[in-house]
Amino acid sequence: MPEPIGAYHISSAIIATLPAKTDGVLAVLAEMENVEIHGHAQGKIVIVIEGTSTGMMGQCLSAMSLLEGVIAASMVFEHVETGEAQNDDRRTDAA
């Protein structure tokens, strides 16, 4: 299925590492484009990836899974913003 025009993807993931390698993995992740580190403890790293396609998310996650010291890189959630959703004037916020 083709990507919607103007789509923007936001994904969260957990990266499981060998505890002795966590600092090295954190250093590499910090240098990756479109990746934000939101926390880490006991060999687990919580990240957010942003990009323009599901393929971009998958490529980034695949690259992370190949880093030295990474046991697993698992996507937890993906949200897609489309131009339509961003400009929806009928949207209301519950108070």
C-alpha atoms as a PDB file:
ATOM      1  CA  MET A   1       0.000   0.000   0.000  1.00  0.00           C
ATOM      2  CA  PRO A   2       1.481   3.404  -0.936  1.00  0.00           C
ATOM      3  CA  GLU A   3       2.360   5.918   1.762  1.00  0.00           C
ATOM      4  CA  PRO A   4      -0.075   8.850   2.088  1.00  0.00           C
ATOM      5  CA  ILE A   5       1.344  12.080   0.660  1.00  0.00           C
ATOM      6  CA  GLY A   6       2.805  14.201   3.432  1.00  0.00           C
ATOM      7  CA  ALA A   7       2.777  11.358   5.960  1.00  0.00           C
ATOM      8  CA  TYR A   8       5.071  11.657   8.978  1.00  0.00           C
ATOM      9  CA  HIS A   9       5.811   8.608  11.118  1.00  0.00           C
ATOM     10  CA  ILE A  10       6.645   8.577  14.824  1.00  0.00           C
ATOM     11  CA  SER A  11       7.742   5.283  16.368  1.00  0.00           C
ATOM     12  CA  SER A  12       8.855   4.141  19.780  1.00  0.00           C
ATOM     13  CA  ALA A  13      11.159   1.189  20.299  1.00  0.00           C
ATOM     14  CA  ILE A  14      13.018  -0.703  22.990  1.00  0.00           C
ATOM     15  CA  ILE A  15      16.625  -1.670  22.375  1.00  0.00           C
ATOM     16  CA  ALA A  16      17.854  -4.534  24.585  1.00  0.00           C
ATOM     17  CA  THR A  17      21.629  -4.581  25.034  1.00  0.00           C
ATOM     18  CA  LEU A  18      24.296  -6.538  26.812  1.00  0.00           C
ATOM     19  CA  PRO A  19      24.698  -4.429  29.964  1.00  0.00           C
ATOM     20  CA  ALA A  20      28.464  -4.096  29.447  1.00  0.00           C
ATOM     21  CA  LYS A  21      27.828  -2.656  25.944  1.00  0.00           C
ATOM     22  CA  THR A  22      24.980  -0.247  26.780  1.00  0.00           C
ATOM     23  CA  ASP A  23      27.165   2.887  26.916  1.00  0.00           C
ATOM     24  CA  GLY A  24      28.627   2.147  23.485  1.00  0.00           C
ATOM     25  CA  VAL A  25      25.183   1.558  21.988  1.00  0.00           C
ATOM     26  CA  LEU A  26      23.928   4.790  23.575  1.00  0.00           C
ATOM     27  CA  ALA A  27      26.819   6.693  21.963  1.00  0.00           C
ATOM     28  CA  VAL A  28      25.987   5.329  18.501  1.00  0.00           C
ATOM     29  CA  LEU A  29      22.245   5.950  18.913  1.00  0.00           C
ATOM     30  CA  ALA A  30      22.917   9.545  19.980  1.00  0.00           C
ATOM     31  CA  GLU A  31      24.614  10.157  16.621  1.00  0.00           C
ATOM     32  CA  MET A  32      21.809   8.642  14.493  1.00  0.00           C
ATOM     33  CA  GLU A  33      19.567  11.030  12.571  1.00  0.00           C
ATOM     34  CA  ASN A  34      15.881  11.127  13.533  1.00  0.00           C
ATOM     35  CA  VAL A  35      16.501   9.138  16.737  1.00  0.00           C
ATOM     36  CA  GLU A  36      15.910  10.435  20.274  1.00  0.00           C
ATOM     37  CA  ILE A  37      16.906   8.539  23.403  1.00  0.00           C
ATOM     38  CA  HIS A  38      14.266   8.881  26.105  1.00  0.00           C
ATOM     39  CA  GLY A  39      15.757   6.706  28.827  1.00  0.00           C
ATOM     40  CA  HIS A  40      17.763   3.642  29.705  1.00  0.00           C
ATOM     41  CA  ALA A  41      18.196   1.229  32.586  1.00  0.00           C
ATOM     42  CA  GLN A  42      19.476  -2.310  33.118  1.00  0.00           C
ATOM     43  CA  GLY A  43      20.509  -2.780  29.482  1.00  0.00           C
ATOM     44  CA  LYS A  44      17.224  -1.511  27.999  1.00  0.00           C
ATOM     45  CA  ILE A  45      17.048   1.720  25.975  1.00  0.00           C
ATOM     46  CA  VAL A  46      13.817   3.557  25.095  1.00  0.00           C
ATOM     47  CA  ILE A  47      13.976   5.529  21.843  1.00  0.00           C
ATOM     48  CA  VAL A  48      11.740   7.456  19.462  1.00  0.00           C
ATOM     49  CA  ILE A  49      12.329   7.365  15.705  1.00  0.00           C
ATOM     50  CA  GLU A  50      10.787   9.914  13.332  1.00  0.00           C
ATOM     51  CA  GLY A  51      10.630   9.826   9.554  1.00  0.00           C
ATOM     52  CA  THR A  52       8.626   9.985   6.373  1.00  0.00           C
ATOM     53  CA  SER A  53       7.814   6.306   5.755  1.00  0.00           C
ATOM     54  CA  THR A  54       7.341   2.932   7.392  1.00  0.00           C
ATOM     55  CA  GLY A  55      10.317   1.738   5.342  1.00  0.00           C
ATOM     56  CA  MET A  56      12.493   4.429   6.889  1.00  0.00           C
ATOM     57  CA  MET A  57      11.425   3.260  10.371  1.00  0.00           C
ATOM     58  CA  GLY A  58      12.233  -0.349   9.490  1.00  0.00           C
ATOM     59  CA  GLN A  59      15.644   0.503   8.028  1.00  0.00           C
ATOM     60  CA  CYS A  60      16.578   2.475  11.127  1.00  0.00           C
ATOM     61  CA  LEU A  61      15.457  -0.315  13.454  1.00  0.00           C
ATOM     62  CA  SER A  62      17.310  -2.903  11.364  1.00  0.00           C
ATOM     63  CA  ALA A  63      20.509  -0.847  11.560  1.00  0.00           C
ATOM     64  CA  MET A  64      20.118  -0.654  15.339  1.00  0.00           C
ATOM     65  CA  SER A  65      19.662  -4.407  15.640  1.00  0.00           C
ATOM     66  CA  LEU A  66      23.049  -4.906  13.944  1.00  0.00           C
ATOM     67  CA  LEU A  67      24.980  -2.724  16.420  1.00  0.00           C
ATOM     68  CA  GLU A  68      27.568  -4.486  18.543  1.00  0.00           C
ATOM     69  CA  GLY A  69      26.056  -5.309  21.922  1.00  0.00           C
ATOM     70  CA  VAL A  70      22.418  -5.174  20.799  1.00  0.00           C
ATOM     71  CA  ILE A  71      20.397  -8.270  21.684  1.00  0.00           C
ATOM     72  CA  ALA A  72      17.104  -7.055  20.148  1.00  0.00           C
ATOM     73  CA  ALA A  73      15.552  -3.911  18.694  1.00  0.00           C
ATOM     74  CA  SER A  74      11.758  -4.024  18.915  1.00  0.00           C
ATOM     75  CA  MET A  75       9.248  -1.466  17.686  1.00  0.00           C
ATOM     76  CA  VAL A  76       6.607  -0.853  20.326  1.00  0.00           C
ATOM     77  CA  PHE A  77       4.340   1.708  18.668  1.00  0.00           C
ATOM     78  CA  GLU A  78       4.004   3.600  15.384  1.00  0.00           C
ATOM     79  CA  HIS A  79       1.821   6.617  14.728  1.00  0.00           C
ATOM     80  CA  VAL A  80       1.322   8.217  11.314  1.00  0.00           C
ATOM     81  CA  GLU A  81       0.407  11.868  10.924  1.00  0.00           C
ATOM     82  CA  THR A  82      -1.050  12.799   7.550  1.00  0.00           C
ATOM     83  CA  GLY A  83      -1.658  16.248   6.143  1.00  0.00           C
ATOM     84  CA  GLU A  84      -5.355  15.510   6.527  1.00  0.00           C
ATOM     85  CA  ALA A  85      -5.037  14.729  10.250  1.00  0.00           C
ATOM     86  CA  GLN A  86      -2.846  17.771  10.865  1.00  0.00           C
ATOM     87  CA  ASN A  87      -5.380  20.142   9.282  1.00  0.00           C
ATOM     88  CA  ASP A  88      -8.588  18.690  10.717  1.00  0.00           C
ATOM     89  CA  ASP A  89     -10.542  21.756  11.927  1.00  0.00           C
ATOM     90  CA  ARG A  90     -13.334  19.553  13.280  1.00  0.00           C
ATOM     91  CA  ARG A  91     -11.078  18.039  15.922  1.00  0.00           C
ATOM     92  CA  THR A  92     -11.935  18.890  19.499  1.00  0.00           C
ATOM     93  CA  ASP A  93      -9.912  18.395  22.632  1.00  0.00           C
ATOM     94  CA  ALA A  94     -11.661  16.999  25.674  1.00  0.00           C
ATOM     95  CA  ALA A  95     -11.237  19.103  28.767  1.00  0.00           C
END
